[in-house]
Amino acid sequence: MAQKGVQLDRETFSCSICLDLLKDPVAIPCGHSYCMKCIKAHWDGEDEKKIHKCPQCRQSFTPRPVLLKNTMLAALVEELKKTGLQAAPADLCYAGAEDVACDVCTGRKLRACKSCLVCLASYCDKHLQPHYEAAPLKKHKLVEPSKKLQENICSRHDEVMKLFCRTDQQSICYLCSVDEHKGHDTVSAEAERTERQRELEGSRLNIQQRIQDGEKEVKLLQQEVEVVNGSADKAVEDSEKMFTELIRLMEKRSSDVKQQLRSQQKREVSGVRELQEKLEQEISELKRRDAELKLLSHTEDHNQFLLSYPSSLPALIEATHSSSINIRPLSYFEDVTAALSAVRDKLQDVLREEWTNVSPTEVDVLLPAAEPTTRAGFFKYSQEITLDPNTANTQLVLSEGSRKATNMTQHQSYSSHPDRFTYYPHVLSRESLTGRCYWEVEWRVEEVGVAVAYKNISRAGSGYECVFRYNENSWSLECKQNSYTFRYNKINTPISGPPSSRVGVYLDHRAGILSFYSVSETMTLLHRVQTTFTQPLHAGVWLSNGDTAEFCKLK
């Protein structure tokens, strides 16, 4: 109990600036006491602002109070020293070169434990206590200690930047919003952080999905290597057994065939290994990108987040590989074995008359062809799309040889047809799409959905089963002036990408790949779907009131 009392006295008679026993104590008008040297040094730093505050309660004094030594308090401190009260503990955590120092401490500063985004100052445990005790200070935003607090201050108005100008893409203070940024699109820094955090999470989900897809493909490639090796080994074994049965005249031919098989095996394995290495490099890069975005997403300081946030999220690296790997169900070298077996059966009859050329047939690893990387490459798979008037909702008018659809809002006098969308402004193509196809859609005005769907999608009624994007029978990219959203089976995925009035769609039906691109001077991948298509697909669009979409003729 005695020790507890000494500890209480030490805290009561210590200066909250230097955290040592009071020396030449003075009491300022708010009632708090400090060493005369400490409070003078603190206020000397505030002379330029002509406002002097208490370091503990932050009460302001104008003009600067006159300081007089409190003789009674000084005498009490001296008496307490005689009873065994010691100076401040020696094990305090002083700030090092890499630490954030307390802004209130004088002399040797203690390490800060929190920074305040309102006070724009950092505090040690002792000096932080008012933020936990004083009602006005409890509302302040405390974050981990930061050396970059001054970056939150407007260099022009010396005010905290709590707003974000979307027009100029920069953080601003309140005075900026009524001055040079007047009339601009401004929101709070917290609101902008929330929106960009959502974009960041969407990008991370995309990266993580690509990592998972890549890892699956690496496993498939490893299986492919095993299939190639196993098939080649068996073919070599079979060929050796067959040639063993032949007379010495066949020994040289046996050696030749073995060499050809091994050479082909080496080429096949080499090709698969090369693709596997590329995939592993891409996965490593994607994980690095994901780690950077994760670190940025955990930044507590909104302004620091926005300052560090790139003007636009870095475009994801384009995949240099196919999105799926198919293992060849048959052995690679079966044709060689079969040919040798036939030769063996006929050998006695033809050995001295003619020779059948038994060389290994070239075989390919059956990997789906890589997705093109240029617009010219996509044009090789261009598909002319025309819209089926029997499917068009009565609000839609078709023109330009049924390549263009416009939502006229008023209903047209179409005849009744079982294929027609009766409620939603949708339309499907005449063409049934399989294999590898590419087409482009030019859209105008407000909002358009570029879609693909199975032919058996429901058409009659207003249920979700009749809406592109709300069921398992359709996939849709929603295009607006400044944003994209991929929609499938009631799941919405926000997508960042360059705005464009033209969207390219690439379909590899066998491989289960559906990709959407923003088309301008360059092509930017917006979203890629990897799935299994169980039926032929049809291209389609859905249109808001007054909107137009046209399937382009590709040269």
Protein backbone atom coordinates (compact mmCIF):
# COMPACT_ATOMS: atom_id res chain seq x y z
CA MET A 1 0.00 0.00 0.00
CA ALA A 2 2.89 2.35 0.81
CA GLN A 3 4.42 1.71 -2.61
CA LYS A 4 1.09 2.51 -4.31
CA GLY A 5 0.91 5.82 -2.47
CA VAL A 6 4.42 6.78 -3.61
CA GLN A 7 3.48 6.02 -7.19
CA LEU A 8 0.37 8.18 -6.94
CA ASP A 9 2.39 11.10 -5.55
CA ARG A 10 5.01 10.78 -8.30
CA GLU A 11 2.31 11.15 -10.96
CA THR A 12 0.59 13.99 -9.12
CA PHE A 13 3.75 16.09 -8.82
CA SER A 14 5.24 15.34 -12.25
CA CYS A 15 5.31 17.68 -15.22
CA SER A 16 3.21 16.23 -18.08
CA ILE A 17 5.67 17.67 -20.64
CA CYS A 18 9.01 16.30 -19.42
CA LEU A 19 7.40 13.56 -17.24
CA ASP A 20 9.86 14.37 -14.47
CA LEU A 21 9.25 15.90 -11.01
CA LEU A 22 8.23 19.56 -11.21
CA LYS A 23 11.10 22.05 -11.23
CA ASP A 24 10.19 25.68 -10.49
CA PRO A 25 6.48 24.71 -10.79
CA VAL A 26 3.97 27.18 -12.24
CA ALA A 27 0.19 26.90 -12.50
CA ILE A 28 -1.42 28.26 -15.69
CA PRO A 29 -5.00 29.73 -15.73
CA CYS A 30 -6.71 26.38 -16.50
CA GLY A 31 -5.21 24.91 -13.30
CA HIS A 32 -2.63 22.52 -14.75
CA SER A 33 0.95 22.75 -13.47
CA TYR A 34 4.25 22.46 -15.36
CA CYS A 35 7.94 23.11 -14.96
CA MET A 36 8.50 26.79 -15.77
CA LYS A 37 11.16 25.88 -18.34
CA CYS A 38 8.94 23.27 -20.03
CA ILE A 39 5.85 25.45 -20.46
CA LYS A 40 7.91 28.42 -21.63
CA ALA A 41 9.59 26.28 -24.28
CA HIS A 42 6.22 24.91 -25.36
CA TRP A 43 4.65 28.36 -25.72
CA ASP A 44 7.71 29.79 -27.44
CA GLY A 45 6.92 27.42 -30.29
CA GLU A 46 3.36 28.79 -30.48
CA ASP A 47 4.25 32.49 -30.47
CA GLU A 48 3.86 32.77 -34.26
CA LYS A 49 0.22 31.68 -34.02
CA LYS A 50 -0.39 34.13 -31.13
CA ILE A 51 -2.55 31.45 -29.46
CA HIS A 52 -1.18 29.56 -26.47
CA LYS A 53 -2.74 26.28 -25.38
CA CYS A 54 -2.53 23.97 -22.41
CA PRO A 55 -0.72 20.79 -23.54
CA GLN A 56 -3.20 18.68 -21.56
CA CYS A 57 -6.69 20.16 -21.94
CA ARG A 58 -5.91 22.28 -25.07
CA GLN A 59 -7.59 25.37 -23.55
CA SER A 60 -6.42 28.52 -25.38
CA PHE A 61 -5.11 31.72 -23.76
CA THR A 62 -4.78 35.15 -25.40
CA PRO A 63 -2.61 36.98 -24.63
CA ARG A 64 0.19 34.71 -23.35
CA PRO A 65 -0.20 34.33 -19.55
CA VAL A 66 2.51 35.70 -17.24
CA LEU A 67 4.19 32.83 -15.40
CA LEU A 68 5.05 33.02 -11.68
CA LYS A 69 6.64 30.30 -9.57
CA ASN A 70 4.18 28.49 -7.29
CA THR A 71 6.18 28.56 -4.04
CA MET A 72 3.79 26.31 -2.11
CA LEU A 73 3.88 23.61 -4.81
CA ALA A 74 7.67 23.93 -5.02
CA ALA A 75 7.96 23.40 -1.26
CA LEU A 76 5.71 20.31 -1.43
CA VAL A 77 7.85 18.78 -4.17
CA GLU A 78 11.02 19.35 -2.11
CA GLU A 79 9.43 17.70 0.92
CA LEU A 80 8.32 14.71 -1.13
CA LYS A 81 11.84 14.30 -2.47
CA LYS A 82 13.08 13.96 1.09
CA THR A 83 10.55 11.18 1.79
CA GLY A 84 11.92 9.04 -1.03
CA LEU A 85 10.04 10.29 -4.11
CA GLN A 86 12.37 9.76 -7.06
CA ALA A 87 12.62 11.18 -10.52
CA ALA A 88 10.81 9.69 -13.49
CA PRO A 89 11.48 5.97 -14.11
CA ALA A 90 14.55 5.23 -16.18
CA ASP A 91 12.85 2.60 -18.32
CA LEU A 92 10.67 5.02 -20.32
CA CYS A 93 10.51 4.34 -24.07
CA TYR A 94 12.38 7.22 -25.62
CA ALA A 95 11.99 7.85 -29.36
CA GLY A 96 14.77 6.62 -31.61
CA ALA A 97 15.74 7.79 -35.08
CA GLU A 98 13.14 5.54 -36.75
CA ASP A 99 10.36 6.24 -34.23
CA VAL A 100 7.63 8.88 -34.22
CA ALA A 101 8.31 11.19 -31.27
CA CYS A 102 5.73 12.74 -28.97
CA ASP A 103 5.09 16.35 -30.04
CA VAL A 104 4.35 17.49 -26.46
CA CYS A 105 7.43 16.13 -24.71
CA THR A 106 10.33 18.55 -24.25
CA GLY A 107 13.94 17.62 -23.80
CA ARG A 108 14.40 13.96 -24.66
CA LYS A 109 11.11 12.96 -26.30
CA LEU A 110 9.21 9.75 -25.65
CA ARG A 111 8.02 7.45 -28.39
CA ALA A 112 4.50 8.27 -29.62
CA CYS A 113 1.85 5.58 -29.32
CA LYS A 114 -0.85 7.35 -31.37
CA SER A 115 -1.23 10.23 -33.83
CA CYS A 116 -4.33 12.43 -33.90
CA LEU A 117 -5.72 13.38 -37.33
CA VAL A 118 -7.58 16.34 -35.82
CA CYS A 119 -4.79 17.83 -33.68
CA LEU A 120 -2.22 16.75 -36.31
CA ALA A 121 0.10 15.79 -33.48
CA SER A 122 1.54 12.59 -32.06
CA TYR A 123 1.38 11.66 -28.36
CA CYS A 124 3.10 9.29 -25.94
CA ASP A 125 0.98 7.33 -23.43
CA LYS A 126 1.14 10.11 -20.85
CA HIS A 127 0.20 12.98 -23.15
CA LEU A 128 -2.46 10.93 -24.91
CA GLN A 129 -4.56 10.58 -21.75
CA PRO A 130 -6.60 13.81 -22.34
CA HIS A 131 -7.87 12.25 -25.59
CA TYR A 132 -9.38 9.46 -23.50
CA GLU A 133 -10.66 11.67 -20.69
CA ALA A 134 -11.78 15.04 -22.15
CA ALA A 135 -15.16 14.80 -23.91
CA PRO A 136 -14.24 17.07 -26.88
CA LEU A 137 -11.00 15.14 -27.47
CA LYS A 138 -12.67 11.73 -27.38
CA LYS A 139 -14.19 12.50 -30.81
CA HIS A 140 -10.78 12.93 -32.43
CA LYS A 141 -9.56 10.28 -34.88
CA LEU A 142 -6.53 8.41 -33.48
CA VAL A 143 -4.33 6.29 -35.77
CA GLU A 144 -1.02 4.50 -35.52
CA PRO A 145 1.95 6.91 -35.11
CA SER A 146 2.74 8.65 -38.41
CA LYS A 147 5.50 10.99 -39.55
CA LYS A 148 3.36 12.20 -42.46
CA LEU A 149 0.70 14.16 -40.61
CA GLN A 150 1.74 17.42 -42.24
CA GLU A 151 0.85 15.99 -45.63
CA ASN A 152 -2.78 16.24 -44.47
CA ILE A 153 -2.45 20.05 -44.27
CA CYS A 154 -3.39 22.24 -47.25
CA SER A 155 -0.23 24.10 -48.25
CA ARG A 156 -2.29 27.10 -49.39
CA HIS A 157 -4.75 27.56 -46.50
CA ASP A 158 -2.99 25.69 -43.66
CA GLU A 159 -6.20 23.72 -43.01
CA VAL A 160 -6.79 19.99 -42.67
CA MET A 161 -7.71 18.43 -46.04
CA LYS A 162 -10.95 16.61 -45.26
CA LEU A 163 -12.40 16.73 -48.79
CA PHE A 164 -11.52 15.16 -52.13
CA CYS A 165 -12.02 16.86 -55.51
CA ARG A 166 -13.04 14.25 -58.06
CA THR A 167 -12.76 16.79 -60.86
CA ASP A 168 -9.04 17.39 -60.22
CA GLN A 169 -8.38 14.07 -58.44
CA GLN A 170 -6.74 15.59 -55.34
CA SER A 171 -7.31 16.12 -51.63
CA ILE A 172 -8.45 19.62 -50.63
CA CYS A 173 -9.53 21.56 -47.56
CA TYR A 174 -12.87 23.28 -47.00
CA LEU A 175 -11.53 26.66 -48.14
CA CYS A 176 -10.30 25.12 -51.39
CA SER A 177 -13.83 23.86 -52.10
CA VAL A 178 -15.21 27.42 -52.03
CA ASP A 179 -12.20 28.94 -53.78
CA GLU A 180 -10.29 27.45 -56.72
CA HIS A 181 -12.32 24.21 -56.60
CA LYS A 182 -15.71 25.94 -56.46
CA GLY A 183 -18.30 24.10 -58.54
CA HIS A 184 -16.20 20.95 -58.77
CA ASP A 185 -17.41 17.48 -57.86
CA THR A 186 -16.22 17.21 -54.24
CA VAL A 187 -16.89 14.59 -51.57
CA SER A 188 -15.47 13.81 -48.15
CA ALA A 189 -12.12 12.05 -48.07
CA GLU A 190 -13.79 9.21 -46.19
CA ALA A 191 -16.45 8.78 -48.90
CA GLU A 192 -13.84 8.72 -51.67
CA ARG A 193 -11.76 6.25 -49.65
CA THR A 194 -14.80 3.99 -49.27
CA GLU A 195 -15.49 3.98 -53.02
CA ARG A 196 -11.89 3.36 -53.99
CA GLN A 197 -11.57 0.69 -51.31
CA ARG A 198 -14.46 -1.06 -53.02
CA GLU A 199 -12.66 -0.80 -56.39
CA LEU A 200 -9.49 -2.09 -54.79
CA GLU A 201 -11.26 -5.09 -53.32
CA GLY A 202 -12.77 -5.84 -56.72
CA SER A 203 -9.32 -5.79 -58.29
CA ARG A 204 -7.98 -8.04 -55.54
CA LEU A 205 -10.78 -10.53 -56.14
CA ASN A 206 -9.92 -10.51 -59.84
CA ILE A 207 -6.24 -11.09 -59.08
CA GLN A 208 -7.00 -13.84 -56.58
CA GLN A 209 -9.27 -15.56 -59.08
CA ARG A 210 -6.54 -15.45 -61.70
CA ILE A 211 -4.06 -16.85 -59.18
CA GLN A 212 -6.41 -19.75 -58.48
CA ASP A 213 -6.97 -20.35 -62.19
CA GLY A 214 -3.24 -20.23 -62.84
CA GLU A 215 -2.47 -22.69 -60.06
CA LYS A 216 -5.05 -25.10 -61.45
CA GLU A 217 -3.48 -24.83 -64.89
CA VAL A 218 -0.01 -25.51 -63.47
CA LYS A 219 -1.35 -28.74 -61.98
CA LEU A 220 -2.91 -29.68 -65.31
CA LEU A 221 0.36 -29.00 -67.08
CA GLN A 222 2.17 -31.23 -64.61
CA GLN A 223 -0.33 -33.96 -65.38
CA GLU A 224 0.32 -33.35 -69.08
CA VAL A 225 4.04 -33.90 -68.53
CA GLU A 226 3.30 -37.17 -66.77
CA VAL A 227 1.03 -38.29 -69.61
CA VAL A 228 3.68 -37.43 -72.23
CA ASN A 229 6.41 -39.20 -70.28
CA GLY A 230 4.28 -42.24 -69.54
CA SER A 231 3.08 -42.57 -73.12
CA ALA A 232 6.59 -42.14 -74.52
CA ASP A 233 8.07 -44.64 -72.07
CA LYS A 234 5.45 -47.23 -72.96
CA ALA A 235 5.97 -46.68 -76.68
CA VAL A 236 9.72 -47.11 -76.28
CA GLU A 237 9.22 -50.26 -74.22
CA ASP A 238 6.80 -51.75 -76.76
CA SER A 239 9.03 -50.90 -79.69
CA GLU A 240 12.04 -52.52 -78.01
CA LYS A 241 10.08 -55.71 -77.34
CA MET A 242 8.90 -55.88 -80.94
CA PHE A 243 12.33 -55.22 -82.41
CA THR A 244 13.84 -57.85 -80.10
CA GLU A 245 11.75 -60.41 -81.94
CA LEU A 246 13.19 -59.37 -85.29
CA ILE A 247 16.42 -60.59 -86.81
CA ARG A 248 19.63 -58.58 -86.69
CA LEU A 249 18.64 -56.89 -89.92
CA MET A 250 16.06 -54.86 -87.91
CA GLU A 251 18.35 -53.76 -85.07
CA LYS A 252 19.45 -50.53 -86.76
CA ARG A 253 15.84 -49.61 -87.61
CA SER A 254 14.88 -50.25 -83.98
CA SER A 255 17.55 -47.83 -82.82
CA ASP A 256 16.32 -45.19 -85.26
CA VAL A 257 12.74 -45.43 -84.11
CA LYS A 258 13.78 -45.25 -80.46
CA GLN A 259 15.78 -42.10 -81.14
CA GLN A 260 12.86 -40.49 -82.98
CA LEU A 261 10.49 -41.28 -80.14
CA ARG A 262 12.82 -39.80 -77.54
CA SER A 263 13.35 -36.71 -79.66
CA GLN A 264 9.60 -36.18 -80.00
CA GLN A 265 9.16 -36.77 -76.26
CA LYS A 266 11.78 -34.12 -75.49
CA ARG A 267 10.06 -31.58 -77.74
CA GLU A 268 6.66 -32.22 -76.16
CA VAL A 269 7.95 -32.03 -72.59
CA SER A 270 10.00 -28.93 -73.40
CA GLY A 271 6.92 -27.15 -74.76
CA VAL A 272 4.81 -28.00 -71.72
CA ARG A 273 7.61 -27.03 -69.29
CA GLU A 274 7.98 -23.64 -71.00
CA LEU A 275 4.28 -22.89 -70.62
CA GLN A 276 4.41 -24.09 -67.01
CA GLU A 277 7.28 -21.69 -66.21
CA LYS A 278 5.38 -18.77 -67.75
CA LEU A 279 2.35 -19.57 -65.62
CA GLU A 280 4.42 -19.76 -62.43
CA GLN A 281 6.04 -16.39 -63.21
CA GLU A 282 2.62 -14.83 -63.79
CA ILE A 283 1.30 -16.24 -60.51
CA SER A 284 4.30 -14.80 -58.66
CA GLU A 285 3.68 -11.36 -60.18
CA LEU A 286 -0.04 -11.50 -59.35
CA LYS A 287 0.73 -12.41 -55.72
CA ARG A 288 3.11 -9.46 -55.51
CA ARG A 289 0.40 -7.13 -56.88
CA ASP A 290 -2.11 -8.53 -54.43
CA ALA A 291 0.27 -7.98 -51.49
CA GLU A 292 0.77 -4.32 -52.52
CA LEU A 293 -2.97 -3.70 -52.79
CA LYS A 294 -3.59 -5.47 -49.46
CA LEU A 295 -1.03 -3.23 -47.73
CA LEU A 296 -2.65 -0.14 -49.25
CA SER A 297 -6.14 -1.30 -48.24
CA HIS A 298 -5.09 -1.46 -44.55
CA THR A 299 -3.99 2.19 -44.40
CA GLU A 300 -6.03 3.86 -41.67
CA ASP A 301 -5.37 7.45 -42.68
CA HIS A 302 -7.88 8.33 -45.44
CA ASN A 303 -5.76 11.11 -46.90
CA GLN A 304 -2.64 8.99 -46.82
CA PHE A 305 -4.58 6.28 -48.64
CA LEU A 306 -5.69 8.74 -51.33
CA LEU A 307 -2.20 10.20 -51.70
CA SER A 308 -0.77 6.73 -52.17
CA TYR A 309 -3.64 5.59 -54.36
CA PRO A 310 -2.62 5.57 -58.05
CA SER A 311 -4.53 7.77 -60.48
CA SER A 312 -5.95 4.56 -61.85
CA LEU A 313 -5.45 1.05 -60.68
CA PRO A 314 -2.61 -0.57 -62.58
CA ALA A 315 -3.87 -2.63 -65.43
CA LEU A 316 -3.52 -6.30 -64.67
CA ILE A 317 -0.86 -8.15 -66.66
CA GLU A 318 -2.31 -9.97 -69.62
CA ALA A 319 -2.34 -13.74 -69.34
CA THR A 320 0.22 -15.28 -71.69
CA HIS A 321 -1.38 -18.67 -71.58
CA SER A 322 -4.63 -20.40 -72.33
CA SER A 323 -7.26 -20.30 -69.61
CA SER A 324 -7.71 -24.05 -69.49
CA ILE A 325 -5.73 -27.18 -70.20
CA ASN A 326 -7.20 -30.33 -71.68
CA ILE A 327 -5.41 -33.61 -71.11
CA ARG A 328 -5.36 -35.74 -74.25
CA PRO A 329 -7.38 -38.85 -73.41
CA LEU A 330 -5.32 -41.18 -75.67
CA SER A 331 -1.67 -42.07 -75.47
CA TYR A 332 0.66 -39.80 -77.42
CA PHE A 333 2.51 -42.54 -79.29
CA GLU A 334 -0.17 -45.14 -79.92
CA ASP A 335 0.11 -44.67 -83.67
CA VAL A 336 3.80 -45.58 -83.52
CA THR A 337 3.09 -48.78 -81.60
CA ALA A 338 0.30 -49.76 -83.99
CA ALA A 339 2.49 -49.16 -87.02
CA LEU A 340 5.29 -51.27 -85.60
CA SER A 341 2.90 -54.08 -84.72
CA ALA A 342 1.64 -54.19 -88.30
CA VAL A 343 5.19 -54.25 -89.62
CA ARG A 344 6.08 -57.10 -87.33
CA ASP A 345 3.13 -59.20 -88.55
CA LYS A 346 4.04 -58.70 -92.20
CA LEU A 347 7.79 -58.68 -91.77
CA GLN A 348 8.45 -62.28 -92.90
CA ASP A 349 6.61 -61.68 -96.18
CA VAL A 350 7.99 -58.26 -97.07
CA LEU A 351 11.39 -58.13 -95.40
CA ARG A 352 13.37 -58.88 -98.57
CA GLU A 353 10.95 -57.19 -100.98
CA GLU A 354 10.12 -53.74 -99.56
CA TRP A 355 10.43 -51.63 -96.43
CA THR A 356 7.59 -49.79 -94.77
CA ASN A 357 8.60 -46.43 -93.38
CA VAL A 358 8.00 -46.62 -89.66
CA SER A 359 8.72 -43.15 -88.34
CA PRO A 360 6.88 -41.54 -85.43
CA THR A 361 3.96 -39.35 -86.43
CA GLU A 362 4.22 -35.80 -85.10
CA VAL A 363 1.85 -35.33 -82.17
CA ASP A 364 0.81 -32.12 -80.46
CA VAL A 365 0.02 -31.38 -76.85
CA LEU A 366 -3.67 -30.64 -77.06
CA LEU A 367 -3.67 -27.28 -75.30
CA PRO A 368 -6.36 -24.82 -76.33
CA ALA A 369 -4.99 -22.07 -78.57
CA ALA A 370 -3.91 -18.98 -76.66
CA GLU A 371 -6.26 -16.01 -76.59
CA PRO A 372 -5.15 -13.34 -79.10
CA THR A 373 -3.26 -10.34 -77.74
CA THR A 374 -4.01 -7.83 -80.52
CA ARG A 375 -7.18 -6.63 -82.19
CA ALA A 376 -5.91 -7.97 -85.50
CA GLY A 377 -5.49 -11.35 -83.85
CA PHE A 378 -9.13 -11.28 -82.69
CA PHE A 379 -10.29 -10.37 -86.20
CA LYS A 380 -9.28 -13.88 -87.34
CA TYR A 381 -12.27 -15.13 -85.33
CA SER A 382 -14.70 -12.31 -86.25
CA GLN A 383 -18.32 -13.40 -86.34
CA GLU A 384 -21.03 -11.43 -88.15
CA ILE A 385 -23.96 -11.00 -85.79
CA THR A 386 -27.54 -10.23 -86.87
CA LEU A 387 -30.40 -9.86 -84.44
CA ASP A 388 -33.45 -12.12 -84.58
CA PRO A 389 -36.62 -9.97 -84.85
CA ASN A 390 -38.68 -12.88 -83.48
CA THR A 391 -36.83 -12.51 -80.12
CA ALA A 392 -36.94 -8.67 -79.90
CA ASN A 393 -39.08 -7.12 -77.18
CA THR A 394 -41.78 -4.86 -78.63
CA GLN A 395 -40.00 -1.73 -77.30
CA LEU A 396 -37.02 -2.44 -79.56
CA VAL A 397 -36.69 -1.36 -83.19
CA LEU A 398 -34.15 -3.22 -85.38
CA SER A 399 -32.34 -1.51 -88.26
CA GLU A 400 -29.12 -1.59 -90.32
CA GLY A 401 -29.90 -5.08 -91.58
CA SER A 402 -30.96 -6.23 -88.08
CA ARG A 403 -27.53 -5.37 -86.65
CA LYS A 404 -28.77 -2.32 -84.70
CA ALA A 405 -31.33 -2.17 -81.86
CA THR A 406 -32.93 0.97 -80.38
CA ASN A 407 -35.22 1.22 -77.34
CA MET A 408 -38.08 3.48 -78.50
CA THR A 409 -39.94 3.24 -75.12
CA GLN A 410 -43.29 2.90 -76.96
CA HIS A 411 -44.36 -0.58 -78.06
CA GLN A 412 -44.11 -1.66 -81.71
CA SER A 413 -46.71 -3.71 -83.57
CA TYR A 414 -44.81 -7.00 -83.72
CA SER A 415 -46.65 -10.23 -84.33
CA SER A 416 -46.84 -12.74 -81.52
CA HIS A 417 -44.02 -15.28 -81.42
CA PRO A 418 -42.98 -17.88 -78.81
CA ASP A 419 -39.32 -16.72 -78.96
CA ARG A 420 -40.09 -13.08 -78.10
CA PHE A 421 -39.05 -11.44 -74.79
CA THR A 422 -42.46 -10.26 -73.57
CA TYR A 423 -41.46 -7.99 -70.67
CA TYR A 424 -37.77 -6.99 -70.71
CA PRO A 425 -36.13 -4.97 -73.57
CA HIS A 426 -33.90 -7.85 -74.71
CA VAL A 427 -33.00 -9.33 -78.08
CA LEU A 428 -30.87 -12.33 -79.18
CA SER A 429 -28.87 -13.09 -82.31
CA ARG A 430 -29.96 -15.40 -85.10
CA GLU A 431 -26.52 -17.02 -85.09
CA SER A 432 -25.74 -19.95 -82.82
CA LEU A 433 -22.19 -19.51 -81.45
CA THR A 434 -19.75 -22.37 -80.90
CA GLY A 435 -16.00 -22.71 -81.39
CA ARG A 436 -13.98 -19.48 -81.29
CA CYS A 437 -15.84 -16.24 -82.09
CA TYR A 438 -15.25 -12.51 -81.75
CA TRP A 439 -17.62 -9.56 -82.23
CA GLU A 440 -17.88 -5.90 -81.21
CA VAL A 441 -20.83 -3.83 -80.01
CA GLU A 442 -21.02 -0.02 -80.40
CA TRP A 443 -23.37 1.55 -77.84
CA ARG A 444 -24.70 5.05 -77.22
CA VAL A 445 -26.45 7.16 -74.57
CA GLU A 446 -26.94 5.93 -70.97
CA GLU A 447 -26.76 2.20 -70.20
CA VAL A 448 -26.45 -0.97 -72.28
CA GLY A 449 -25.95 -4.63 -71.40
CA VAL A 450 -23.79 -6.75 -73.73
CA ALA A 451 -24.75 -10.37 -73.16
CA VAL A 452 -24.55 -14.00 -74.26
CA ALA A 453 -27.22 -16.55 -73.39
CA TYR A 454 -28.38 -20.09 -74.07
CA LYS A 455 -31.25 -20.39 -76.52
CA ASN A 456 -33.46 -21.99 -73.85
CA ILE A 457 -33.46 -18.86 -71.64
CA SER A 458 -37.03 -18.06 -70.58
CA ARG A 459 -38.72 -15.27 -72.55
CA ALA A 460 -42.31 -14.91 -71.29
CA GLY A 461 -43.04 -12.96 -68.11
CA SER A 462 -41.21 -10.65 -65.70
CA GLY A 463 -39.39 -13.21 -63.54
CA TYR A 464 -35.63 -13.29 -63.02
CA GLU A 465 -35.41 -16.34 -65.28
CA CYS A 466 -36.19 -13.99 -68.21
CA VAL A 467 -33.50 -11.38 -67.43
CA PHE A 468 -29.99 -11.40 -68.84
CA ARG A 469 -27.63 -11.60 -65.82
CA TYR A 470 -30.09 -12.89 -63.17
CA ASN A 471 -29.86 -16.63 -63.92
CA GLU A 472 -27.47 -19.43 -64.86
CA ASN A 473 -28.40 -19.24 -68.57
CA SER A 474 -26.89 -15.81 -69.38
CA TRP A 475 -23.79 -13.64 -68.80
CA SER A 476 -23.86 -9.84 -69.13
CA LEU A 477 -21.52 -6.83 -69.04
CA GLU A 478 -23.34 -3.63 -67.99
CA CYS A 479 -21.79 -0.58 -69.72
CA LYS A 480 -22.28 2.97 -68.42
CA GLN A 481 -20.53 6.23 -69.24
CA ASN A 482 -17.85 5.83 -66.55
CA SER A 483 -18.19 2.31 -65.19
CA TYR A 484 -18.63 -1.38 -65.97
CA THR A 485 -20.27 -4.18 -64.00
CA PHE A 486 -20.19 -7.88 -64.84
CA ARG A 487 -23.40 -9.67 -63.84
CA TYR A 488 -24.16 -13.39 -63.64
CA ASN A 489 -26.78 -15.31 -61.67
CA LYS A 490 -27.61 -12.26 -59.46
CA ILE A 491 -23.91 -11.72 -58.60
CA ASN A 492 -22.51 -8.28 -59.50
CA THR A 493 -18.77 -7.66 -59.98
CA PRO A 494 -17.69 -3.98 -60.33
CA ILE A 495 -14.95 -3.59 -62.95
CA SER A 496 -12.44 -0.79 -63.47
CA GLY A 497 -11.32 0.00 -66.99
CA PRO A 498 -10.99 2.79 -69.56
CA PRO A 499 -14.37 4.17 -70.68
CA SER A 500 -15.25 3.34 -74.29
CA SER A 501 -18.40 3.25 -76.42
CA ARG A 502 -17.26 -0.01 -78.03
CA VAL A 503 -17.00 -3.41 -76.34
CA GLY A 504 -15.33 -6.48 -77.84
CA VAL A 505 -16.51 -9.99 -76.90
CA TYR A 506 -14.33 -13.09 -77.38
CA LEU A 507 -15.77 -16.60 -76.99
CA ASP A 508 -13.89 -19.90 -76.95
CA HIS A 509 -16.83 -22.24 -76.46
CA ARG A 510 -14.83 -25.47 -76.18
CA ALA A 511 -12.37 -24.01 -73.65
CA GLY A 512 -15.20 -22.32 -71.68
CA ILE A 513 -13.73 -18.81 -72.06
CA LEU A 514 -15.81 -15.63 -72.34
CA SER A 515 -13.85 -12.33 -72.36
CA PHE A 516 -15.01 -8.70 -72.55
CA TYR A 517 -12.70 -5.94 -73.82
CA SER A 518 -12.83 -2.14 -73.87
CA VAL A 519 -12.00 -1.20 -77.47
CA SER A 520 -10.42 2.12 -78.45
CA GLU A 521 -6.96 2.69 -79.91
CA THR A 522 -5.90 -0.26 -77.79
CA MET A 523 -7.79 -3.21 -76.31
CA THR A 524 -8.09 -3.54 -72.53
CA LEU A 525 -9.36 -6.72 -70.90
CA LEU A 526 -12.29 -5.86 -68.62
CA HIS A 527 -13.36 -9.29 -67.42
CA ARG A 528 -12.80 -12.95 -68.30
CA VAL A 529 -15.13 -15.84 -67.43
CA GLN A 530 -13.82 -19.40 -67.12
CA THR A 531 -16.62 -21.94 -67.04
CA THR A 532 -18.08 -24.91 -68.93
CA PHE A 533 -20.65 -24.12 -71.62
CA THR A 534 -23.16 -26.94 -72.01
CA GLN A 535 -25.06 -25.54 -75.03
CA PRO A 536 -24.44 -23.27 -78.02
CA LEU A 537 -24.65 -19.57 -77.14
CA HIS A 538 -26.39 -16.58 -78.72
CA ALA A 539 -25.19 -12.96 -78.57
CA GLY A 540 -27.63 -10.42 -77.17
CA VAL A 541 -28.15 -6.93 -75.77
CA TRP A 542 -30.49 -5.24 -73.32
CA LEU A 543 -31.22 -1.52 -73.58
CA SER A 544 -32.49 1.26 -71.30
CA ASN A 545 -34.97 3.83 -72.60
CA GLY A 546 -33.63 5.69 -75.64
CA ASP A 547 -30.41 3.66 -75.82
CA THR A 548 -28.90 2.14 -78.98
CA ALA A 549 -26.56 -0.80 -79.57
CA GLU A 550 -25.11 -1.91 -82.91
CA PHE A 551 -23.17 -5.06 -83.78
CA CYS A 552 -20.26 -3.75 -85.84
CA LYS A 553 -19.03 -4.97 -89.21
CA LEU A 554 -15.39 -5.93 -88.68
CA LYS A 555 -12.92 -5.52 -91.54
